[in-house]
Amino acid sequence: MYFDPMYYVFALPGLLLALYAQWRVKSAYSTYLRVPNALRLPGVRAAEILLRQAGLAVNIEGTPGTLTDHYDPRKNVLRLSQEVATTPSVAAVAIVAHEVGHAEQQAQAYSLLRLRSGLVPVVNITSWLAPLLFFTGLFLNITQLAEVGLIFFSGAVVFALVTLPVELDASRRALRLLQSSGLVAEARDLQGARAVLSAAALTYVAALAQAILTMLYYASLLSGRRRRD
């Protein structure tokens, strides 16, 4: 199988950033999972308090896995992993508050969240169709087909670009909710919550970088094919 060395030139920085982001998340999570929050409340109780404080009627459910916590805007459900739901830690309430931040965005019709939700079904299709069209076009020397594939792939870049401010805004809301609720009362606890949320945000920065670098790699292949033609 042929490997293009230029692929690694484009892909390696994004891959290294993604690995670093994952390490940051796991490190911050494991560290502050051992630090109790100010009210000594498990994540599920913290979620109930924060939702009530924000005036939101959102159902809470469990979800399998670790760090799989998320808010489902389609069903208006906050899903918590068992570890987050049952642990009275700074890490747990930071994660819960972030997801409550998404629920608040939904309730307030936050424009970027609505845009991201609208992009999801499109990106679900184009994410696998774009490489297929692009490389088929290159292989068959059909430049127009490769161009369509590149355009389709740009949807992944747009999605990642929209997702980043949505996540940053949810984290901003999370810190506000945590402070006003008293779940983080000391400077150490607030620093821990920020560390967990900042590490999570870095994963979205890495996703955006990977999407942009992959698109640039595709564009470089297409440009090289045009020059040869």
C-alpha atoms as a PDB file:
ATOM      1  CA  MET A   1       0.000   0.000   0.000  1.00  0.00           C
ATOM      2  CA  TYR A   2       1.326   3.452  -0.926  1.00  0.00           C
ATOM      3  CA  PHE A   3       1.748   6.054   1.796  1.00  0.00           C
ATOM      4  CA  ASP A   4       2.191   9.674   0.802  1.00  0.00           C
ATOM      5  CA  PRO A   5       4.883  11.253   3.025  1.00  0.00           C
ATOM      6  CA  MET A   6       3.159  14.623   2.637  1.00  0.00           C
ATOM      7  CA  TYR A   7       0.177  13.197   4.500  1.00  0.00           C
ATOM      8  CA  TYR A   8       2.250  13.052   7.656  1.00  0.00           C
ATOM      9  CA  VAL A   9       3.474  16.611   7.126  1.00  0.00           C
ATOM     10  CA  PHE A  10      -0.140  17.769   7.249  1.00  0.00           C
ATOM     11  CA  ALA A  11      -1.583  15.214   9.682  1.00  0.00           C
ATOM     12  CA  LEU A  12       1.139  14.918  12.317  1.00  0.00           C
ATOM     13  CA  PRO A  13       0.670  18.337  14.001  1.00  0.00           C
ATOM     14  CA  GLY A  14      -3.063  17.737  14.379  1.00  0.00           C
ATOM     15  CA  LEU A  15      -2.497  14.204  15.647  1.00  0.00           C
ATOM     16  CA  LEU A  16       0.038  15.338  18.239  1.00  0.00           C
ATOM     17  CA  LEU A  17      -2.307  18.091  19.406  1.00  0.00           C
ATOM     18  CA  ALA A  18      -5.155  15.566  19.695  1.00  0.00           C
ATOM     19  CA  LEU A  19      -3.000  13.179  21.749  1.00  0.00           C
ATOM     20  CA  TYR A  20      -1.899  16.029  23.995  1.00  0.00           C
ATOM     21  CA  ALA A  21      -5.526  17.134  24.439  1.00  0.00           C
ATOM     22  CA  GLN A  22      -6.584  13.611  25.392  1.00  0.00           C
ATOM     23  CA  TRP A  23      -3.760  13.408  27.914  1.00  0.00           C
ATOM     24  CA  ARG A  24      -4.795  16.774  29.390  1.00  0.00           C
ATOM     25  CA  VAL A  25      -8.404  15.636  29.744  1.00  0.00           C
ATOM     26  CA  LYS A  26      -7.514  12.351  31.425  1.00  0.00           C
ATOM     27  CA  SER A  27      -4.965  14.043  33.680  1.00  0.00           C
ATOM     28  CA  ALA A  28      -7.301  16.842  34.818  1.00  0.00           C
ATOM     29  CA  TYR A  29     -10.224  14.464  35.234  1.00  0.00           C
ATOM     30  CA  SER A  30      -8.303  11.902  37.297  1.00  0.00           C
ATOM     31  CA  THR A  31      -6.757  14.644  39.443  1.00  0.00           C
ATOM     32  CA  TYR A  32      -9.943  16.504  40.308  1.00  0.00           C
ATOM     33  CA  LEU A  33     -12.067  13.370  40.556  1.00  0.00           C
ATOM     34  CA  ARG A  34     -10.286  12.917  43.886  1.00  0.00           C
ATOM     35  CA  VAL A  35     -10.991  16.468  45.069  1.00  0.00           C
ATOM     36  CA  PRO A  36     -14.401  16.836  46.767  1.00  0.00           C
ATOM     37  CA  ASN A  37     -16.630  19.717  45.714  1.00  0.00           C
ATOM     38  CA  ALA A  38     -17.664  22.317  48.285  1.00  0.00           C
ATOM     39  CA  LEU A  39     -21.102  20.792  49.004  1.00  0.00           C
ATOM     40  CA  ARG A  40     -19.889  17.167  48.817  1.00  0.00           C
ATOM     41  CA  LEU A  41     -22.638  16.383  46.317  1.00  0.00           C
ATOM     42  CA  PRO A  42     -22.467  13.650  43.654  1.00  0.00           C
ATOM     43  CA  GLY A  43     -22.854  14.707  40.038  1.00  0.00           C
ATOM     44  CA  VAL A  44     -26.496  13.698  39.725  1.00  0.00           C
ATOM     45  CA  ARG A  45     -27.517  15.841  42.725  1.00  0.00           C
ATOM     46  CA  ALA A  46     -25.402  18.706  41.402  1.00  0.00           C
ATOM     47  CA  ALA A  47     -27.202  18.378  38.070  1.00  0.00           C
ATOM     48  CA  GLU A  48     -30.589  18.646  39.771  1.00  0.00           C
ATOM     49  CA  ILE A  49     -29.497  21.767  41.651  1.00  0.00           C
ATOM     50  CA  LEU A  50     -27.971  23.459  38.610  1.00  0.00           C
ATOM     51  CA  LEU A  51     -30.955  22.675  36.403  1.00  0.00           C
ATOM     52  CA  ARG A  52     -33.320  24.047  39.035  1.00  0.00           C
ATOM     53  CA  GLN A  53     -31.154  27.138  39.446  1.00  0.00           C
ATOM     54  CA  ALA A  54     -31.197  27.716  35.676  1.00  0.00           C
ATOM     55  CA  GLY A  55     -34.968  27.179  35.555  1.00  0.00           C
ATOM     56  CA  LEU A  56     -34.675  24.203  33.216  1.00  0.00           C
ATOM     57  CA  ALA A  57     -36.934  21.156  33.030  1.00  0.00           C
ATOM     58  CA  VAL A  58     -34.502  18.518  31.772  1.00  0.00           C
ATOM     59  CA  ASN A  59     -34.592  14.779  32.378  1.00  0.00           C
ATOM     60  CA  ILE A  60     -31.470  13.068  33.738  1.00  0.00           C
ATOM     61  CA  GLU A  61     -30.444   9.607  32.592  1.00  0.00           C
ATOM     62  CA  GLY A  62     -27.415   7.367  32.901  1.00  0.00           C
ATOM     63  CA  THR A  63     -25.092   6.495  30.051  1.00  0.00           C
ATOM     64  CA  PRO A  64     -22.404   3.782  29.871  1.00  0.00           C
ATOM     65  CA  GLY A  65     -18.700   4.478  29.636  1.00  0.00           C
ATOM     66  CA  THR A  66     -16.263   7.045  30.997  1.00  0.00           C
ATOM     67  CA  LEU A  67     -16.390  10.733  30.038  1.00  0.00           C
ATOM     68  CA  THR A  68     -19.435   9.998  27.882  1.00  0.00           C
ATOM     69  CA  ASP A  69     -21.561  12.642  29.584  1.00  0.00           C
ATOM     70  CA  HIS A  70     -23.627  14.776  27.205  1.00  0.00           C
ATOM     71  CA  TYR A  71     -26.786  16.774  26.733  1.00  0.00           C
ATOM     72  CA  ASP A  72     -29.151  15.535  24.020  1.00  0.00           C
ATOM     73  CA  PRO A  73     -31.033  18.574  22.659  1.00  0.00           C
ATOM     74  CA  ARG A  74     -33.379  16.410  20.576  1.00  0.00           C
ATOM     75  CA  LYS A  75     -34.787  14.619  23.626  1.00  0.00           C
ATOM     76  CA  ASN A  76     -33.996  17.293  26.212  1.00  0.00           C
ATOM     77  CA  VAL A  77     -32.062  14.757  28.275  1.00  0.00           C
ATOM     78  CA  LEU A  78     -28.883  15.143  30.308  1.00  0.00           C
ATOM     79  CA  ARG A  79     -26.980  11.849  30.303  1.00  0.00           C
ATOM     80  CA  LEU A  80     -24.343  11.213  32.947  1.00  0.00           C
ATOM     81  CA  SER A  81     -21.758   8.457  33.184  1.00  0.00           C
ATOM     82  CA  GLN A  82     -21.859   6.439  36.400  1.00  0.00           C
ATOM     83  CA  GLU A  83     -18.585   7.835  37.713  1.00  0.00           C
ATOM     84  CA  VAL A  84     -19.664  11.449  37.234  1.00  0.00           C
ATOM     85  CA  ALA A  85     -23.181  10.796  38.550  1.00  0.00           C
ATOM     86  CA  THR A  86     -22.004   9.163  41.781  1.00  0.00           C
ATOM     87  CA  THR A  87     -18.769  10.986  42.652  1.00  0.00           C
ATOM     88  CA  PRO A  88     -18.907  14.119  44.865  1.00  0.00           C
ATOM     89  CA  SER A  89     -15.916  15.711  43.161  1.00  0.00           C
ATOM     90  CA  VAL A  90     -14.869  18.946  41.500  1.00  0.00           C
ATOM     91  CA  ALA A  91     -14.378  17.081  38.208  1.00  0.00           C
ATOM     92  CA  ALA A  92     -17.905  15.652  38.350  1.00  0.00           C
ATOM     93  CA  VAL A  93     -19.635  18.975  38.972  1.00  0.00           C
ATOM     94  CA  ALA A  94     -17.519  20.724  36.316  1.00  0.00           C
ATOM     95  CA  ILE A  95     -18.616  18.186  33.710  1.00  0.00           C
ATOM     96  CA  VAL A  96     -22.232  18.331  34.863  1.00  0.00           C
ATOM     97  CA  ALA A  97     -22.243  22.128  34.780  1.00  0.00           C
ATOM     98  CA  HIS A  98     -20.840  22.126  31.252  1.00  0.00           C
ATOM     99  CA  GLU A  99     -23.692  19.928  30.046  1.00  0.00           C
ATOM    100  CA  VAL A 100     -26.208  22.083  31.901  1.00  0.00           C
ATOM    101  CA  GLY A 101     -24.635  24.981  30.026  1.00  0.00           C
ATOM    102  CA  HIS A 102     -25.639  23.255  26.789  1.00  0.00           C
ATOM    103  CA  ALA A 103     -29.167  22.795  28.105  1.00  0.00           C
ATOM    104  CA  GLU A 104     -29.269  26.511  28.903  1.00  0.00           C
ATOM    105  CA  GLN A 105     -28.079  27.283  25.372  1.00  0.00           C
ATOM    106  CA  GLN A 106     -30.917  25.175  24.017  1.00  0.00           C
ATOM    107  CA  ALA A 107     -33.502  26.896  26.217  1.00  0.00           C
ATOM    108  CA  GLN A 108     -32.257  30.321  25.139  1.00  0.00           C
ATOM    109  CA  ALA A 109     -32.151  29.350  21.442  1.00  0.00           C
ATOM    110  CA  TYR A 110     -28.417  30.043  21.265  1.00  0.00           C
ATOM    111  CA  SER A 111     -27.819  30.586  17.556  1.00  0.00           C
ATOM    112  CA  LEU A 112     -24.559  28.670  17.196  1.00  0.00           C
ATOM    113  CA  LEU A 113     -25.985  25.629  18.991  1.00  0.00           C
ATOM    114  CA  ARG A 114     -28.964  25.668  16.626  1.00  0.00           C
ATOM    115  CA  LEU A 115     -26.590  25.964  13.672  1.00  0.00           C
ATOM    116  CA  ARG A 116     -24.488  23.044  14.924  1.00  0.00           C
ATOM    117  CA  SER A 117     -27.573  20.899  15.462  1.00  0.00           C
ATOM    118  CA  GLY A 118     -28.686  21.700  11.917  1.00  0.00           C
ATOM    119  CA  LEU A 119     -25.297  20.699  10.542  1.00  0.00           C
ATOM    120  CA  VAL A 120     -25.217  17.309  12.276  1.00  0.00           C
ATOM    121  CA  PRO A 121     -27.308  15.329   9.723  1.00  0.00           C
ATOM    122  CA  VAL A 122     -25.408  16.926   6.833  1.00  0.00           C
ATOM    123  CA  VAL A 123     -21.987  16.205   8.325  1.00  0.00           C
ATOM    124  CA  ASN A 124     -23.011  12.642   9.178  1.00  0.00           C
ATOM    125  CA  ILE A 125     -23.419  12.037   5.439  1.00  0.00           C
ATOM    126  CA  THR A 126     -20.597  14.136   4.025  1.00  0.00           C
ATOM    127  CA  SER A 127     -17.988  12.884   6.537  1.00  0.00           C
ATOM    128  CA  TRP A 128     -17.850   9.467   4.854  1.00  0.00           C
ATOM    129  CA  LEU A 129     -18.970  10.537   1.385  1.00  0.00           C
ATOM    130  CA  ALA A 130     -16.359  13.276   0.967  1.00  0.00           C
ATOM    131  CA  PRO A 131     -13.228  11.037   1.062  1.00  0.00           C
ATOM    132  CA  LEU A 132     -14.953   8.507  -1.189  1.00  0.00           C
ATOM    133  CA  LEU A 133     -15.736  11.118  -3.830  1.00  0.00           C
ATOM    134  CA  PHE A 134     -12.382  12.841  -3.501  1.00  0.00           C
ATOM    135  CA  PHE A 135     -10.136   9.816  -3.875  1.00  0.00           C
ATOM    136  CA  THR A 136     -12.367   8.239  -6.526  1.00  0.00           C
ATOM    137  CA  GLY A 137     -12.038  11.452  -8.487  1.00  0.00           C
ATOM    138  CA  LEU A 138      -8.261  11.412  -8.130  1.00  0.00           C
ATOM    139  CA  PHE A 139      -7.975   7.733  -9.019  1.00  0.00           C
ATOM    140  CA  LEU A 140     -10.190   8.064 -12.103  1.00  0.00           C
ATOM    141  CA  ASN A 141      -8.677  11.441 -12.993  1.00  0.00           C
ATOM    142  CA  ILE A 142     -12.067  13.137 -12.745  1.00  0.00           C
ATOM    143  CA  THR A 143     -11.074  16.479 -11.277  1.00  0.00           C
ATOM    144  CA  GLN A 144     -14.637  17.726 -10.906  1.00  0.00           C
ATOM    145  CA  LEU A 145     -15.554  14.725  -8.735  1.00  0.00           C
ATOM    146  CA  ALA A 146     -12.526  15.319  -6.517  1.00  0.00           C
ATOM    147  CA  GLU A 147     -13.548  18.968  -6.212  1.00  0.00           C
ATOM    148  CA  VAL A 148     -17.013  17.939  -5.058  1.00  0.00           C
ATOM    149  CA  GLY A 149     -15.399  15.675  -2.460  1.00  0.00           C
ATOM    150  CA  LEU A 150     -13.266  18.579  -1.239  1.00  0.00           C
ATOM    151  CA  ILE A 151     -16.311  20.830  -0.978  1.00  0.00           C
ATOM    152  CA  PHE A 152     -18.164  18.155   0.961  1.00  0.00           C
ATOM    153  CA  PHE A 153     -15.234  17.754   3.331  1.00  0.00           C
ATOM    154  CA  SER A 154     -15.247  21.480   4.018  1.00  0.00           C
ATOM    155  CA  GLY A 155     -18.486  20.790   5.886  1.00  0.00           C
ATOM    156  CA  ALA A 156     -16.443  19.025   8.563  1.00  0.00           C
ATOM    157  CA  VAL A 157     -14.307  22.141   8.927  1.00  0.00           C
ATOM    158  CA  VAL A 158     -17.382  24.348   9.242  1.00  0.00           C
ATOM    159  CA  PHE A 159     -18.856  21.972  11.823  1.00  0.00           C
ATOM    160  CA  ALA A 160     -15.664  21.994  13.911  1.00  0.00           C
ATOM    161  CA  LEU A 161     -15.452  25.776  13.554  1.00  0.00           C
ATOM    162  CA  VAL A 162     -19.008  26.187  14.854  1.00  0.00           C
ATOM    163  CA  THR A 163     -18.558  23.608  17.604  1.00  0.00           C
ATOM    164  CA  LEU A 164     -15.601  25.347  19.263  1.00  0.00           C
ATOM    165  CA  PRO A 165     -17.417  28.556  20.337  1.00  0.00           C
ATOM    166  CA  VAL A 166     -20.453  26.488  21.369  1.00  0.00           C
ATOM    167  CA  GLU A 167     -18.273  24.473  23.742  1.00  0.00           C
ATOM    168  CA  LEU A 168     -16.414  27.516  25.050  1.00  0.00           C
ATOM    169  CA  ASP A 169     -19.704  29.273  25.756  1.00  0.00           C
ATOM    170  CA  ALA A 170     -21.030  26.190  27.591  1.00  0.00           C
ATOM    171  CA  SER A 171     -17.900  26.195  29.774  1.00  0.00           C
ATOM    172  CA  ARG A 172     -18.329  29.901  30.503  1.00  0.00           C
ATOM    173  CA  ARG A 173     -21.898  29.245  31.580  1.00  0.00           C
ATOM    174  CA  ALA A 174     -20.713  26.273  33.643  1.00  0.00           C
ATOM    175  CA  LEU A 175     -18.285  28.363  35.696  1.00  0.00           C
ATOM    176  CA  ARG A 176     -20.985  30.952  36.345  1.00  0.00           C
ATOM    177  CA  LEU A 177     -23.429  28.274  37.497  1.00  0.00           C
ATOM    178  CA  LEU A 178     -20.854  26.581  39.711  1.00  0.00           C
ATOM    179  CA  GLN A 179     -19.920  29.796  41.462  1.00  0.00           C
ATOM    180  CA  SER A 180     -23.481  31.036  41.984  1.00  0.00           C
ATOM    181  CA  SER A 181     -24.624  27.621  43.281  1.00  0.00           C
ATOM    182  CA  GLY A 182     -21.798  27.322  45.791  1.00  0.00           C
ATOM    183  CA  LEU A 183     -20.649  23.983  44.365  1.00  0.00           C
ATOM    184  CA  VAL A 184     -17.171  25.472  44.040  1.00  0.00           C
ATOM    185  CA  ALA A 185     -16.508  27.841  46.897  1.00  0.00           C
ATOM    186  CA  GLU A 186     -12.730  27.929  47.249  1.00  0.00           C
ATOM    187  CA  ALA A 187     -10.155  29.231  44.787  1.00  0.00           C
ATOM    188  CA  ARG A 188      -8.656  25.748  44.574  1.00  0.00           C
ATOM    189  CA  ASP A 189     -11.994  24.251  43.544  1.00  0.00           C
ATOM    190  CA  LEU A 190     -12.588  26.943  40.930  1.00  0.00           C
ATOM    191  CA  GLN A 191      -9.084  26.373  39.567  1.00  0.00           C
ATOM    192  CA  GLY A 192      -9.841  22.656  39.331  1.00  0.00           C
ATOM    193  CA  ALA A 193     -13.112  23.229  37.493  1.00  0.00           C
ATOM    194  CA  ARG A 194     -11.339  25.537  35.070  1.00  0.00           C
ATOM    195  CA  ALA A 195      -8.613  22.941  34.508  1.00  0.00           C
ATOM    196  CA  VAL A 196     -11.175  20.243  33.643  1.00  0.00           C
ATOM    197  CA  LEU A 197     -13.146  22.534  31.333  1.00  0.00           C
ATOM    198  CA  SER A 198     -10.034  23.967  29.655  1.00  0.00           C
ATOM    199  CA  ALA A 199      -8.697  20.481  28.957  1.00  0.00           C
ATOM    200  CA  ALA A 200     -12.033  19.497  27.411  1.00  0.00           C
ATOM    201  CA  ALA A 201     -12.020  22.649  25.259  1.00  0.00           C
ATOM    202  CA  LEU A 202      -8.580  21.743  23.926  1.00  0.00           C
ATOM    203  CA  THR A 203     -10.043  18.577  22.385  1.00  0.00           C
ATOM    204  CA  TYR A 204     -12.296  20.762  20.221  1.00  0.00           C
ATOM    205  CA  VAL A 205      -9.351  22.941  19.230  1.00  0.00           C
ATOM    206  CA  ALA A 206      -7.552  19.758  18.182  1.00  0.00           C
ATOM    207  CA  ALA A 207     -10.586  18.574  16.207  1.00  0.00           C
ATOM    208  CA  LEU A 208     -10.704  21.880  14.342  1.00  0.00           C
ATOM    209  CA  ALA A 209      -6.961  21.731  13.631  1.00  0.00           C
ATOM    210  CA  GLN A 210      -7.240  18.175  12.319  1.00  0.00           C
ATOM    211  CA  ALA A 211     -10.166  19.089  10.053  1.00  0.00           C
ATOM    212  CA  ILE A 212      -8.352  22.117   8.628  1.00  0.00           C
ATOM    213  CA  LEU A 213      -5.083  20.240   8.096  1.00  0.00           C
ATOM    214  CA  THR A 214      -6.856  17.335   6.395  1.00  0.00           C
ATOM    215  CA  MET A 215      -8.663  19.728   4.070  1.00  0.00           C
ATOM    216  CA  LEU A 216      -5.365  21.431   3.252  1.00  0.00           C
ATOM    217  CA  TYR A 217      -3.853  18.033   2.461  1.00  0.00           C
ATOM    218  CA  TYR A 218      -6.735  17.241   0.116  1.00  0.00           C
ATOM    219  CA  ALA A 219      -6.345  20.658  -1.497  1.00  0.00           C
ATOM    220  CA  SER A 220      -2.607  20.075  -2.002  1.00  0.00           C
ATOM    221  CA  LEU A 221      -3.298  16.738  -3.717  1.00  0.00           C
ATOM    222  CA  LEU A 222      -5.866  18.323  -5.980  1.00  0.00           C
ATOM    223  CA  SER A 223      -3.563  21.241  -6.791  1.00  0.00           C
ATOM    224  CA  GLY A 224      -0.756  18.806  -7.678  1.00  0.00           C
ATOM    225  CA  ARG A 225      -3.081  16.855  -9.957  1.00  0.00           C
ATOM    226  CA  ARG A 226      -4.131  20.043 -11.735  1.00  0.00           C
ATOM    227  CA  ARG A 227      -0.504  21.050 -12.314  1.00  0.00           C
ATOM    228  CA  ARG A 228       0.257  17.654 -13.816  1.00  0.00           C
ATOM    229  CA  ASP A 229      -2.775  17.931 -16.058  1.00  0.00           C
END
